[in-house]
Amino acid sequence: MVLRYAAFWWRSGNAHGLHSPFVFNLYCFTIHHTGYFLAYDKVEALRKELLTNNTVLEVTDFGAGSHTGKTKKKTIASIAKTAAKPARLGQLLFRLANHFKPGTILELGTSLGLTTSYLALARQTAQVYTLEGCPAIATQARRNFTKLGLQNVRLVEGNMDNTLPETLDKMGQLDFVFFDGNHRLAPTLAYFEQCLQKAHEDSVFIFDDIYWSSEMAQAWQNIKAHPQVMITVDLFYIGLVFFRKNQPKQNFTLRF
């Protein structure tokens, strides 16, 4: 990972030299926005509480390295520490949802629901669908949504290979998708292709951990090359994908 980040840093840039007004404004005023939102405190107070919760859960993992849904015991505190997205990325997702104002949000991979909460609080008029494979974690995530008073979240529980097609069938168009459900090449590309069927010109797709492994790096390269993808923004930790047909195909690598 250190070598991947060093390579990223070498080829990345910042706002200087950005000739796309769309990407320039997004980068300067949303990605690097330094303002404060009250929602940040709500989610981070919940995170602090979870980090001290030593309740043990039976965790079923369908993600990378767990092809058959291996079960192990983990505390809520350890999940909050290792699996939940850090505040910096959660708050970036909040700002992106706040900026693009999606009517429908889909998250692949709920975990304890911290990222879900950031997205739901950013767009309280949007319907947020979030998919989680592990029953025990899904139960805890629902409790967390209740604590925050979230009324616009619909959690779908079960193996994502089955629940994603079923969920997409019930949805209209997809405005905003956060892919954080399975960090392997084939599932990532399969989920991308399925969601693509409901995408439109103003949709925003966000991929987590695009350099987490060689498989994810390859998935990111394949997604960038897809003919329907017009603009990508590589922030190392996440990758942003846009389908804006009125702009030339461009890939940006920017520091965050």
Protein backbone atom coordinates (compact mmCIF):
# COMPACT_ATOMS: atom_id res chain seq x y z
CA MET A 1 0.00 0.00 0.00
CA VAL A 2 2.88 2.39 0.79
CA LEU A 3 4.37 1.87 -2.66
CA ARG A 4 0.98 2.35 -4.31
CA TYR A 5 0.51 5.62 -2.44
CA ALA A 6 4.00 6.81 -3.40
CA ALA A 7 3.23 6.09 -7.06
CA PHE A 8 -0.11 7.88 -6.71
CA TRP A 9 1.54 10.93 -5.14
CA TRP A 10 4.09 11.11 -7.92
CA ARG A 11 1.47 11.28 -10.69
CA SER A 12 -1.21 13.24 -8.82
CA GLY A 13 -1.88 16.95 -8.86
CA ASN A 14 -4.06 19.61 -7.28
CA ALA A 15 -6.28 22.45 -8.48
CA HIS A 16 -3.47 24.07 -10.48
CA GLY A 17 -3.76 23.09 -14.09
CA LEU A 18 -7.31 21.74 -13.83
CA HIS A 19 -8.96 22.75 -17.10
CA SER A 20 -12.35 21.17 -16.41
CA PRO A 21 -14.65 23.72 -14.68
CA PHE A 22 -16.79 20.84 -13.38
CA VAL A 23 -13.85 19.06 -11.73
CA PHE A 24 -12.20 22.32 -10.60
CA ASN A 25 -15.33 23.44 -8.73
CA LEU A 26 -15.91 19.97 -7.30
CA TYR A 27 -12.31 19.71 -6.11
CA CYS A 28 -11.99 23.19 -4.62
CA PHE A 29 -15.41 23.69 -3.08
CA THR A 30 -16.61 20.20 -2.15
CA ILE A 31 -13.70 17.76 -1.89
CA HIS A 32 -11.50 20.31 -0.11
CA HIS A 33 -14.32 22.12 1.66
CA THR A 34 -13.18 23.01 5.18
CA GLY A 35 -16.51 24.15 6.59
CA TYR A 36 -18.45 22.52 9.38
CA PHE A 37 -21.79 20.68 9.40
CA LEU A 38 -23.76 19.77 12.53
CA ALA A 39 -24.23 16.23 11.20
CA TYR A 40 -20.51 15.58 11.71
CA ASP A 41 -20.91 15.77 15.49
CA LYS A 42 -23.90 13.39 15.50
CA VAL A 43 -22.12 10.65 13.59
CA GLU A 44 -18.82 11.05 15.40
CA ALA A 45 -20.55 10.90 18.80
CA LEU A 46 -22.04 7.58 17.68
CA ARG A 47 -18.62 6.38 16.52
CA LYS A 48 -17.13 7.25 19.91
CA GLU A 49 -19.83 5.22 21.62
CA LEU A 50 -19.28 2.22 19.32
CA LEU A 51 -15.52 2.29 19.93
CA THR A 52 -16.18 1.51 23.61
CA ASN A 53 -18.81 -1.17 22.99
CA ASN A 54 -17.34 -4.61 23.73
CA THR A 55 -20.47 -6.58 22.81
CA VAL A 56 -19.42 -9.66 20.80
CA LEU A 57 -21.10 -10.35 17.46
CA GLU A 58 -21.10 -13.44 15.25
CA VAL A 59 -19.84 -11.84 12.06
CA THR A 60 -20.44 -13.42 8.66
CA ASP A 61 -18.17 -11.94 6.00
CA PHE A 62 -18.95 -12.31 2.28
CA GLY A 63 -16.26 -9.87 1.21
CA ALA A 64 -12.70 -10.30 -0.02
CA GLY A 65 -11.10 -13.44 1.32
CA SER A 66 -14.42 -14.89 2.49
CA HIS A 67 -15.94 -16.51 -0.58
CA THR A 68 -18.33 -18.76 1.35
CA GLY A 69 -19.39 -16.43 4.14
CA LYS A 70 -16.96 -17.36 6.92
CA THR A 71 -18.17 -16.63 10.46
CA LYS A 72 -16.03 -15.31 13.31
CA LYS A 73 -16.55 -13.46 16.57
CA LYS A 74 -15.74 -9.75 16.77
CA THR A 75 -16.57 -6.97 19.20
CA ILE A 76 -18.51 -3.95 18.02
CA ALA A 77 -15.52 -1.84 19.09
CA SER A 78 -13.14 -3.77 16.82
CA ILE A 79 -15.52 -3.47 13.87
CA ALA A 80 -15.85 0.27 14.46
CA LYS A 81 -12.08 0.57 14.60
CA THR A 82 -11.14 -1.53 11.57
CA ALA A 83 -14.14 -1.74 9.22
CA ALA A 84 -15.87 1.62 9.54
CA LYS A 85 -14.75 4.42 7.25
CA PRO A 86 -12.74 7.14 9.07
CA ALA A 87 -14.36 10.48 9.77
CA ARG A 88 -12.46 12.22 6.99
CA LEU A 89 -13.90 9.93 4.30
CA GLY A 90 -17.36 9.79 5.82
CA GLN A 91 -17.49 13.57 5.85
CA LEU A 92 -16.29 13.70 2.24
CA LEU A 93 -19.16 11.42 1.25
CA PHE A 94 -21.52 13.69 3.20
CA ARG A 95 -20.29 16.70 1.23
CA LEU A 96 -20.56 14.88 -2.09
CA ALA A 97 -24.15 13.84 -1.38
CA ASN A 98 -24.93 17.35 -0.16
CA HIS A 99 -23.42 18.80 -3.35
CA PHE A 100 -25.05 16.54 -5.93
CA LYS A 101 -28.43 16.33 -4.13
CA PRO A 102 -29.39 12.80 -5.19
CA GLY A 103 -32.94 11.56 -4.82
CA THR A 104 -31.84 7.93 -4.50
CA ILE A 105 -28.69 6.71 -2.77
CA LEU A 106 -27.43 3.14 -2.80
CA GLU A 107 -24.66 1.88 -0.53
CA LEU A 108 -23.11 -1.56 -1.04
CA GLY A 109 -21.77 -2.50 2.38
CA THR A 110 -23.41 -1.03 5.49
CA SER A 111 -21.11 -2.24 8.27
CA LEU A 112 -22.20 -0.43 11.45
CA GLY A 113 -23.90 2.30 9.43
CA LEU A 114 -21.61 5.26 10.07
CA THR A 115 -21.13 6.02 6.39
CA THR A 116 -24.81 5.34 5.76
CA SER A 117 -25.65 7.88 8.44
CA TYR A 118 -23.44 10.52 6.84
CA LEU A 119 -25.19 9.94 3.49
CA ALA A 120 -28.69 9.92 5.01
CA LEU A 121 -28.07 13.09 7.01
CA ALA A 122 -26.67 14.86 3.94
CA ARG A 123 -29.88 14.19 1.98
CA GLN A 124 -32.75 13.67 4.39
CA THR A 125 -35.24 13.89 1.50
CA ALA A 126 -33.50 11.07 -0.39
CA GLN A 127 -34.28 7.38 -0.10
CA VAL A 128 -31.14 5.60 1.06
CA TYR A 129 -30.81 1.88 0.37
CA THR A 130 -27.94 0.10 2.09
CA LEU A 131 -26.98 -3.57 1.67
CA GLU A 132 -25.36 -5.64 4.43
CA GLY A 133 -24.55 -9.35 4.32
CA CYS A 134 -24.05 -10.08 8.02
CA PRO A 135 -27.27 -10.40 10.09
CA ALA A 136 -25.62 -9.44 13.39
CA ILE A 137 -24.03 -6.32 11.96
CA ALA A 138 -27.27 -5.40 10.17
CA THR A 139 -29.10 -5.58 13.50
CA GLN A 140 -26.58 -3.25 15.14
CA ALA A 141 -26.72 -0.86 12.18
CA ARG A 142 -30.51 -0.61 12.53
CA ARG A 143 -30.06 0.28 16.20
CA ASN A 144 -27.61 2.99 15.19
CA PHE A 145 -30.03 4.46 12.65
CA THR A 146 -32.70 4.58 15.35
CA LYS A 147 -30.32 6.39 17.72
CA LEU A 148 -29.75 9.06 15.10
CA GLY A 149 -33.44 9.31 14.25
CA LEU A 150 -32.92 8.43 10.60
CA GLN A 151 -36.18 7.85 8.76
CA ASN A 152 -34.91 7.62 5.18
CA VAL A 153 -32.75 4.47 5.37
CA ARG A 154 -33.85 1.08 4.10
CA LEU A 155 -31.40 -1.67 5.11
CA VAL A 156 -31.46 -4.81 2.96
CA GLU A 157 -29.94 -7.84 4.67
CA GLY A 158 -28.37 -10.83 2.92
CA ASN A 159 -25.68 -11.90 0.47
CA MET A 160 -25.20 -8.99 -1.92
CA ASP A 161 -24.99 -11.28 -4.92
CA ASN A 162 -28.69 -11.94 -4.32
CA THR A 163 -29.90 -8.71 -2.71
CA LEU A 164 -28.41 -6.26 -5.19
CA PRO A 165 -30.41 -7.45 -8.24
CA GLU A 166 -33.57 -7.64 -6.11
CA THR A 167 -33.04 -4.12 -4.76
CA LEU A 168 -32.28 -2.65 -8.18
CA ASP A 169 -35.49 -4.18 -9.55
CA LYS A 170 -37.46 -2.17 -6.97
CA MET A 171 -35.67 1.10 -7.69
CA GLY A 172 -36.09 3.63 -10.43
CA GLN A 173 -32.95 5.45 -11.48
CA LEU A 174 -29.74 5.49 -9.47
CA ASP A 175 -28.45 8.94 -8.59
CA PHE A 176 -25.62 8.14 -6.18
CA VAL A 177 -23.89 4.82 -5.42
CA PHE A 178 -21.14 4.03 -2.91
CA PHE A 179 -19.44 0.69 -3.65
CA ASP A 180 -17.93 -0.79 -0.49
CA GLY A 181 -19.27 -4.32 -0.48
CA ASN A 182 -16.69 -6.69 -1.88
CA HIS A 183 -13.06 -5.87 -2.57
CA ARG A 184 -12.45 -8.42 -5.31
CA LEU A 185 -12.19 -7.89 -9.05
CA ALA A 186 -15.07 -9.97 -10.40
CA PRO A 187 -17.74 -8.93 -7.84
CA THR A 188 -16.77 -5.25 -8.07
CA LEU A 189 -17.13 -5.26 -11.85
CA ALA A 190 -20.34 -7.30 -11.67
CA TYR A 191 -21.91 -4.86 -9.20
CA PHE A 192 -20.78 -1.94 -11.36
CA GLU A 193 -22.39 -3.41 -14.48
CA GLN A 194 -25.64 -4.12 -12.63
CA CYS A 195 -25.86 -0.59 -11.23
CA LEU A 196 -24.95 0.84 -14.62
CA GLN A 197 -28.32 -0.33 -15.92
CA LYS A 198 -30.03 2.23 -13.65
CA ALA A 199 -27.50 5.04 -14.09
CA HIS A 200 -28.13 8.30 -15.96
CA GLU A 201 -26.01 11.19 -17.16
CA ASP A 202 -25.94 12.89 -13.76
CA SER A 203 -25.34 9.77 -11.67
CA VAL A 204 -22.35 9.63 -9.32
CA PHE A 205 -20.63 6.30 -8.62
CA ILE A 206 -18.02 6.18 -5.84
CA PHE A 207 -15.67 3.23 -5.36
CA ASP A 208 -13.95 2.65 -2.05
CA ASP A 209 -10.40 1.34 -1.55
CA ILE A 210 -9.42 1.44 -5.23
CA TYR A 211 -5.79 0.57 -4.33
CA TRP A 212 -6.56 -1.84 -1.49
CA SER A 213 -5.26 -4.76 -3.57
CA SER A 214 -4.07 -5.57 -7.06
CA GLU A 215 -7.58 -6.82 -7.84
CA MET A 216 -9.15 -3.51 -6.82
CA ALA A 217 -6.54 -1.56 -8.77
CA GLN A 218 -7.39 -3.64 -11.84
CA ALA A 219 -11.11 -3.14 -11.27
CA TRP A 220 -10.53 0.62 -11.13
CA GLN A 221 -8.62 0.53 -14.43
CA ASN A 222 -11.42 -1.44 -16.08
CA ILE A 223 -14.06 0.99 -14.80
CA LYS A 224 -12.11 4.01 -16.05
CA ALA A 225 -11.89 2.43 -19.50
CA HIS A 226 -15.61 1.65 -19.72
CA PRO A 227 -17.18 3.44 -22.72
CA GLN A 228 -20.04 4.89 -20.64
CA VAL A 229 -17.65 6.42 -18.10
CA MET A 230 -16.70 9.95 -19.14
CA ILE A 231 -14.94 11.49 -16.12
CA THR A 232 -13.11 9.87 -13.21
CA VAL A 233 -11.43 11.46 -10.21
CA ASP A 234 -8.85 9.30 -8.43
CA LEU A 235 -8.36 10.42 -4.81
CA PHE A 236 -6.41 7.25 -3.91
CA TYR A 237 -8.75 6.31 -1.06
CA ILE A 238 -11.81 6.49 -3.28
CA GLY A 239 -12.56 6.91 -6.97
CA LEU A 240 -15.35 9.09 -8.37
CA VAL A 241 -17.09 8.17 -11.62
CA PHE A 242 -19.29 10.42 -13.76
CA PHE A 243 -21.27 9.82 -16.94
CA ARG A 244 -21.56 13.38 -18.25
CA LYS A 245 -21.93 12.91 -22.00
CA ASN A 246 -21.41 16.58 -22.84
CA GLN A 247 -17.76 16.46 -21.72
CA PRO A 248 -14.73 14.72 -23.21
CA LYS A 249 -13.50 11.52 -21.57
CA GLN A 250 -10.92 12.48 -18.94
CA ASN A 251 -9.27 10.84 -15.92
CA PHE A 252 -8.01 13.03 -13.08
CA THR A 253 -5.62 12.01 -10.29
CA LEU A 254 -5.86 14.48 -7.43
CA ARG A 255 -4.51 14.71 -3.90
CA PHE A 256 -6.90 14.64 -0.96
